[in-house]
């Protein structure tokens, strides 16, 4: 997931603008965030769904709901923690 490019759904773009999340924070989430497998569905066909939480040291912690397909990754939405 870290090596593929990603796209943002309209919901994700809206959340980012409303909560002042930038692409740097998103990159850090992908690199250092924790996948919460109890909230994920990695074997879903055709694309796995992953729930990734930011590190606790974030000023405004958040989680991303990410769809991981063979060719691309789509950030579907975010949640505040």
Protein backbone atom coordinates (compact mmCIF):
# COMPACT_ATOMS: atom_id res chain seq x y z
CA UNK A 1 0.00 0.00 0.00
CA UNK A 2 2.87 2.36 0.74
CA UNK A 3 4.39 2.02 -2.72
CA UNK A 4 1.22 2.55 -4.76
CA UNK A 5 -0.14 5.92 -5.67
CA UNK A 6 -3.41 6.86 -4.01
CA UNK A 7 -6.53 8.80 -4.83
CA UNK A 8 -8.93 10.57 -2.52
CA UNK A 9 -12.70 10.18 -2.61
CA UNK A 10 -14.77 13.36 -2.51
CA UNK A 11 -15.64 12.59 1.14
CA UNK A 12 -11.95 12.30 2.01
CA UNK A 13 -11.14 15.59 0.25
CA UNK A 14 -13.92 17.33 2.15
CA UNK A 15 -12.74 15.94 5.51
CA UNK A 16 -9.16 17.01 4.79
CA UNK A 17 -10.15 20.57 3.98
CA UNK A 18 -12.53 20.87 6.94
CA UNK A 19 -9.96 19.46 9.39
CA UNK A 20 -6.79 21.05 7.99
CA UNK A 21 -5.16 17.73 7.12
CA UNK A 22 -2.49 18.03 4.46
CA UNK A 23 -0.71 15.51 2.25
CA UNK A 24 2.28 15.43 4.63
CA UNK A 25 0.06 14.17 7.46
CA UNK A 26 -1.45 11.63 5.08
CA UNK A 27 2.01 10.40 4.07
CA UNK A 28 2.96 10.04 7.75
CA UNK A 29 -0.26 8.11 8.35
CA UNK A 30 0.66 5.65 5.59
CA UNK A 31 4.23 5.30 6.88
CA UNK A 32 3.70 5.24 10.65
CA UNK A 33 0.00 4.62 11.22
CA UNK A 34 -1.34 1.45 12.79
CA UNK A 35 -3.71 -0.84 10.90
CA UNK A 36 -6.57 -1.84 13.19
CA UNK A 37 -7.43 -5.27 11.83
CA UNK A 38 -10.55 -5.60 13.98
CA UNK A 39 -12.01 -2.69 11.98
CA UNK A 40 -10.53 -3.78 8.64
CA UNK A 41 -11.58 -6.30 5.99
CA UNK A 42 -8.29 -7.10 4.23
CA UNK A 43 -9.65 -10.10 2.30
CA UNK A 44 -12.67 -8.32 0.86
CA UNK A 45 -12.93 -8.86 -2.90
CA UNK A 46 -11.96 -7.27 -5.16
CA UNK A 47 -10.29 -4.72 -2.84
CA UNK A 48 -9.33 -5.03 0.82
CA UNK A 49 -10.49 -2.38 3.28
CA UNK A 50 -8.06 -1.11 5.93
CA UNK A 51 -8.69 1.12 8.94
CA UNK A 52 -5.48 3.01 9.74
CA UNK A 53 -5.08 5.15 12.87
CA UNK A 54 -2.61 7.99 13.17
CA UNK A 55 -0.05 8.02 15.95
CA UNK A 56 -1.21 9.25 19.35
CA UNK A 57 1.19 12.19 19.22
CA UNK A 58 -0.84 13.87 16.47
CA UNK A 59 -2.41 17.15 17.56
CA UNK A 60 -5.73 16.01 16.04
CA UNK A 61 -5.58 12.20 15.81
CA UNK A 62 -7.54 10.70 12.95
CA UNK A 63 -8.11 7.42 11.13
CA UNK A 64 -8.40 6.66 7.43
CA UNK A 65 -10.62 4.09 5.78
CA UNK A 66 -8.60 2.89 2.79
CA UNK A 67 -9.54 0.63 -0.11
CA UNK A 68 -6.50 -1.31 -1.33
CA UNK A 69 -6.97 -2.64 -4.87
CA UNK A 70 -4.37 -4.37 -6.99
CA UNK A 71 -3.63 -1.29 -9.08
CA UNK A 72 -4.42 1.60 -6.74
CA UNK A 73 -5.27 2.74 -3.24
CA UNK A 74 -8.28 4.95 -2.55
CA UNK A 75 -8.75 6.85 0.68
CA UNK A 76 -12.51 6.49 1.12
CA UNK A 77 -12.98 8.61 4.22
CA UNK A 78 -11.55 9.72 7.57
CA UNK A 79 -12.70 9.68 11.18
CA UNK A 80 -11.63 11.87 14.08
CA UNK A 81 -10.32 9.93 17.08
